[in-house]
Protein backbone atom coordinates (compact mmCIF):
# COMPACT_ATOMS: atom_id res chain seq x y z
CA MET A 1 135.47 224.26 98.16
CA ARG A 2 132.61 223.52 100.55
CA ALA A 3 134.76 224.44 103.56
CA THR A 4 135.81 227.82 102.21
CA VAL A 5 133.70 229.20 99.36
CA GLU A 6 131.28 231.08 101.62
CA MET A 7 134.00 232.65 103.76
CA SER A 8 134.10 236.44 103.82
CA ASP A 9 137.14 238.48 102.88
CA ALA A 10 137.72 239.14 106.58
CA GLU A 11 137.75 235.41 107.34
CA MET A 12 140.47 234.88 104.74
CA GLY A 13 142.80 236.69 107.13
CA LYS A 14 142.15 234.41 110.12
CA PRO A 15 145.31 232.72 111.47
CA TRP A 16 146.39 229.56 109.65
CA ALA A 17 149.92 228.21 109.47
CA TRP A 18 151.76 225.71 107.31
CA ARG A 19 155.40 225.03 108.22
CA MET A 20 157.19 228.38 108.13
CA TYR A 21 154.27 230.14 106.46
CA ASP A 22 152.20 231.72 109.21
CA GLU A 23 151.51 235.28 108.08
CA GLU A 24 149.08 234.84 105.17
CA GLY A 25 146.03 233.64 107.07
CA LEU A 26 143.44 231.13 105.90
CA ARG A 27 143.90 232.16 102.28
CA PHE A 28 147.21 230.31 102.33
CA ALA A 29 145.35 227.00 102.69
CA LEU A 30 143.73 227.67 99.32
CA LEU A 31 146.94 228.96 97.79
CA MET A 32 148.82 225.82 98.90
CA THR A 33 146.10 223.55 97.54
CA HIS A 34 146.40 225.27 94.17
CA HIS A 35 150.20 224.96 94.40
CA GLU A 36 149.99 221.23 95.11
CA LEU A 37 147.53 220.52 92.31
CA ARG A 38 149.78 222.37 89.87
CA ASP A 39 152.73 220.27 91.01
CA LEU A 40 150.68 217.08 90.78
CA ALA A 41 149.73 217.88 87.17
CA VAL A 42 153.42 218.30 86.27
CA ARG A 43 154.35 215.00 87.93
CA LEU A 44 151.50 213.17 86.19
CA ALA A 45 152.52 214.61 82.82
CA ALA A 46 156.08 213.36 83.44
CA ALA A 47 154.73 209.87 84.21
CA ARG A 48 152.81 209.50 80.92
CA ASP A 49 153.39 206.32 78.98
CA ARG A 50 152.32 207.97 75.70
CA ALA A 51 151.55 211.44 74.44
CA PRO A 52 147.89 212.48 74.18
CA SER A 53 146.27 212.74 70.76
CA GLN A 54 145.29 216.11 69.30
CA ALA A 55 141.65 215.44 70.20
CA GLN A 56 142.61 214.64 73.78
CA ARG A 57 144.60 217.87 74.01
CA ILE A 58 141.67 219.89 72.68
CA LEU A 59 139.27 218.17 75.07
CA ALA A 60 141.66 218.89 77.96
CA GLN A 61 141.37 222.58 77.07
CA TYR A 62 137.60 222.17 77.01
CA HIS A 63 137.74 220.45 80.39
CA GLN A 64 139.59 223.45 81.81
CA ALA A 65 136.79 225.72 80.59
CA TYR A 66 134.24 223.36 82.14
CA ARG A 67 135.99 223.42 85.52
CA ASP A 68 136.20 227.22 85.39
CA MET A 69 132.48 227.41 84.68
CA THR A 70 131.60 225.00 87.50
CA ALA A 71 133.69 227.12 89.87
CA VAL A 72 131.46 230.08 89.04
CA LEU A 73 128.31 228.00 89.55
CA ALA A 74 129.68 226.80 92.91
CA THR A 75 129.12 230.30 94.28
CA VAL A 76 125.46 230.55 93.20
CA PRO A 77 122.69 229.72 95.69
CA THR A 78 119.52 228.14 94.31
CA ALA A 79 117.50 231.11 95.58
CA GLU A 80 119.27 233.43 93.13
CA LEU A 81 119.12 231.33 89.98
CA ASP A 82 116.20 233.31 88.59
CA HIS A 83 117.27 236.85 89.53
CA ALA A 84 117.76 238.80 86.30
CA PRO A 85 120.50 241.47 86.38
CA ALA A 86 118.38 243.87 84.33
CA LYS A 87 115.30 243.98 82.15
CA ASP A 88 115.53 241.67 79.13
CA GLU A 89 118.73 240.05 80.42
CA TRP A 90 118.99 236.38 81.32
CA PRO A 91 119.25 235.14 84.90
CA VAL A 92 121.76 232.41 85.73
CA ARG A 93 119.25 229.63 85.02
CA GLU A 94 118.65 230.80 81.45
CA VAL A 95 122.36 231.21 80.76
CA ALA A 96 122.94 227.68 82.07
CA LYS A 97 120.13 226.26 79.91
CA HIS A 98 121.58 227.89 76.81
CA MET A 99 125.01 226.45 77.58
CA LEU A 100 123.60 222.99 78.20
CA GLY A 101 121.62 223.03 74.98
CA ALA A 102 124.74 223.90 73.02
CA GLU A 103 126.68 221.03 74.59
CA TYR A 104 124.12 218.55 73.29
CA GLY A 105 124.00 220.21 69.89
CA PHE A 106 127.76 220.31 69.43
CA LEU A 107 128.06 216.68 70.46
CA ALA A 108 125.47 215.60 67.89
CA VAL A 109 127.34 217.46 65.14
CA CYS A 110 130.66 215.88 66.09
CA ALA A 111 129.19 212.42 66.48
CA PHE A 112 127.59 212.60 63.02
CA GLY A 113 130.85 213.82 61.45
CA LEU A 114 132.79 211.03 63.14
CA GLU A 115 130.29 208.40 62.00
CA ALA A 116 130.44 209.77 58.45
CA ARG A 117 134.24 209.55 58.53
CA ARG A 118 134.16 205.94 59.64
CA ALA A 119 131.69 205.17 56.85
CA GLY A 120 133.93 206.85 54.28
CA ARG A 121 131.43 209.59 53.56
CA THR A 122 132.49 213.08 52.45
CA SER A 123 129.23 214.63 51.21
CA GLU A 124 126.86 216.77 53.26
CA PRO A 125 123.90 214.81 54.66
CA THR A 126 120.37 215.43 53.46
CA ASP A 127 117.85 216.93 55.87
CA GLU A 128 116.24 213.52 56.22
CA GLU A 129 119.55 211.83 57.11
CA TRP A 130 120.40 214.55 59.61
CA SER A 131 116.97 214.33 61.25
CA ALA A 132 117.14 210.54 61.50
CA PHE A 133 120.50 210.73 63.26
CA THR A 134 119.75 213.62 65.61
CA GLN A 135 116.12 212.85 66.53
CA PRO A 136 116.85 210.67 69.58
CA ARG A 137 119.59 213.04 70.71
CA GLY A 138 117.26 215.97 70.25
CA GLU A 139 114.60 214.34 72.40
CA GLN A 140 117.12 213.79 75.16
CA ARG A 141 118.30 217.40 74.91
CA LYS A 142 114.71 218.64 75.13
CA ALA A 143 114.03 216.52 78.22
CA VAL A 144 117.18 217.73 79.99
CA LEU A 145 116.38 221.39 79.30
CA ALA A 146 112.79 220.94 80.49
CA SER A 147 114.08 219.43 83.74
CA MET A 148 116.18 222.53 84.37
CA ASP A 149 113.07 224.65 84.99
CA GLY A 150 112.80 224.67 88.76
CA ALA A 151 116.01 222.64 89.25
CA THR A 152 118.34 223.44 92.15
CA ILE A 153 121.88 224.59 91.56
CA ASP A 154 123.03 221.04 92.35
CA GLY A 155 120.68 219.72 89.68
CA ILE A 156 122.08 222.16 87.14
CA ARG A 157 125.67 221.27 87.99
CA ASP A 158 124.81 217.55 87.73
CA ALA A 159 123.30 218.13 84.29
CA PHE A 160 126.49 219.82 83.13
CA ALA A 161 128.60 216.99 84.54
CA THR A 162 126.50 214.37 82.73
CA ILE A 163 126.84 215.88 79.26
CA HIS A 164 130.45 216.89 79.85
CA MET A 165 131.51 213.34 80.71
CA ARG A 166 129.60 212.10 77.69
CA VAL A 167 131.47 214.50 75.39
CA LEU A 168 134.83 213.37 76.78
CA ARG A 169 133.86 209.71 76.45
CA GLU A 170 132.39 209.84 72.93
CA LEU A 171 134.99 212.11 71.36
CA GLY A 172 138.13 211.33 73.33
CA GLU A 173 139.27 208.54 71.00
CA ILE A 174 139.25 210.57 67.78
CA ARG A 175 142.51 209.72 66.03
CA ASP A 176 144.87 212.32 64.62
CA ALA A 177 144.12 210.84 61.20
CA ASP A 178 140.43 211.71 61.60
CA ILE A 179 140.56 215.09 63.33
CA ASP A 180 140.28 217.08 60.10
CA ALA A 181 137.38 215.04 58.75
CA PRO A 182 134.38 217.11 57.58
CA SER A 183 131.37 217.81 59.79
CA TRP A 184 128.25 219.80 59.03
CA PHE A 185 126.13 222.31 60.92
CA TRP A 186 124.27 225.54 60.19
CA ASP A 187 127.60 227.16 59.21
CA GLY A 188 128.28 224.57 56.53
CA GLU A 189 131.21 222.19 56.39
CA MET A 190 133.95 222.49 59.01
CA PRO A 191 136.62 220.03 60.17
CA LEU A 192 136.05 218.10 63.38
CA ARG A 193 139.01 219.98 64.84
CA PHE A 194 137.03 223.22 64.59
CA ARG A 195 133.93 221.64 66.17
CA LEU A 196 135.94 220.31 69.12
CA HIS A 197 137.38 223.74 69.86
CA ARG A 198 133.86 225.22 69.79
CA PHE A 199 132.99 223.35 73.00
CA GLU A 200 135.57 225.34 74.92
CA GLU A 201 134.97 228.70 73.26
CA HIS A 202 131.22 228.56 73.85
CA LEU A 203 131.71 227.74 77.53
CA ARG A 204 134.24 230.56 77.88
CA GLN A 205 131.89 233.03 76.21
CA HIS A 206 129.00 232.29 78.51
CA THR A 207 131.11 231.91 81.65
CA VAL A 208 131.90 235.59 81.11
CA GLN A 209 128.15 236.14 80.87
CA LEU A 210 127.67 234.29 84.17
CA ASP A 211 130.32 236.52 85.76
CA LYS A 212 128.55 239.65 84.55
CA THR A 213 125.17 238.31 85.65
CA LEU A 214 126.39 237.65 89.18
CA VAL A 215 127.86 241.14 89.44
CA GLY A 216 124.56 242.51 88.12
CA ILE A 217 122.53 240.80 90.87
CA GLY A 218 124.88 241.98 93.60
CA ARG A 219 127.08 238.89 93.97
CA PRO A 220 130.56 240.00 92.86
CA PRO A 221 133.32 237.45 93.54
CA THR A 222 134.87 237.44 97.00
CA GLU A 223 138.50 236.57 97.68
CA ALA A 224 137.40 233.03 98.58
CA HIS A 225 135.52 232.73 95.29
CA ARG A 226 138.58 233.80 93.32
CA LEU A 227 140.88 231.39 95.17
CA VAL A 228 138.47 228.47 94.83
CA ARG A 229 138.22 229.21 91.12
CA ASN A 230 142.00 228.92 90.85
CA ILE A 231 141.79 225.51 92.50
CA TYR A 232 139.12 224.30 90.08
CA ASN A 233 141.31 225.33 87.17
CA ALA A 234 144.32 223.52 88.63
CA LEU A 235 142.16 220.45 89.23
CA ALA A 236 141.27 220.37 85.53
CA ASP A 237 144.89 219.73 84.53
CA VAL A 238 145.15 216.88 87.04
CA GLU A 239 141.92 215.27 85.82
CA SER A 240 143.02 215.44 82.18
CA GLU A 241 146.25 213.53 82.79
CA ARG A 242 145.97 209.80 82.13
CA ALA A 243 149.25 208.66 83.63
CA PRO A 244 148.98 205.43 85.66
CA ALA A 245 150.21 207.06 88.86
CA ALA A 246 147.58 206.36 91.50
CA ASP A 247 150.13 206.84 94.29
CA LEU A 248 150.70 210.47 93.24
CA ARG A 249 146.97 211.22 93.17
CA GLU A 250 146.27 209.45 96.45
CA GLY A 251 149.09 211.26 98.20
CA ALA A 252 147.79 214.66 97.13
CA ALA A 253 144.24 213.69 98.08
CA ARG A 254 145.33 212.77 101.60
CA ILE A 255 147.09 216.09 102.09
CA ILE A 256 144.06 218.05 100.90
CA GLU A 257 141.67 215.99 103.01
CA GLU A 258 143.76 216.62 106.12
CA ARG A 259 143.82 220.32 105.31
CA VAL A 260 140.03 220.42 105.12
CA GLY A 261 139.96 219.10 108.68
CA THR A 262 142.05 222.02 109.86
CA LEU A 263 139.82 224.49 108.02
CA LYS A 264 136.67 223.12 109.62
CA GLY A 265 138.23 223.73 113.00
CA SER A 266 139.18 227.31 112.18
């Protein structure tokens, strides 16, 4: 990504060859990387020792949305985080803060529902019980959002990575027997299954907003941006596979690392 994301459309046509493929230009390096990651995901899936749970499948879909969103953020320079596309519309920083806040909120709702399930509880919590559970999480959310004011794009991406990994870690072991347990939020009682899917849908919704914002401030996606985004999406499938196949991953990593060396010399 770092070697290519800032390349112009004209640079995508610079000579670059791989075996018999020598007519596509530099773009073929990105296309082949996407191709190889797709193939790696298939091989890893075939090497599984057990099928993923429903929660793990849902979180893999969420992880794909996360990678797609980070691909969009990868094209944003810090200097343009606060450029609003129009009056009364959010700049990238505000969109990112809203998305981050929701990640923390959704996680608190799911964590409470999961804890209630394990305690055998089926009734809606009182306001006092909800406040006691969410207060420390709310303080952490507030601190993270405050730190985003003036943060660089790297700081924003790191903040997303931190909460994203926490979501995967805390909710990844939900059993199929528990996935339809009740959970409560402003919209009343909903099964945990519904709450897990909301992580992805909210990211998708506001990734579209990020896309529109970037077009509005004069940063429409280039060919390199589009190809890098494809790679991020392919990477998501690889990262979500848990097969014990380090040799497959390491082999693909070596090929991609060697390719980066050729791109830097182009």
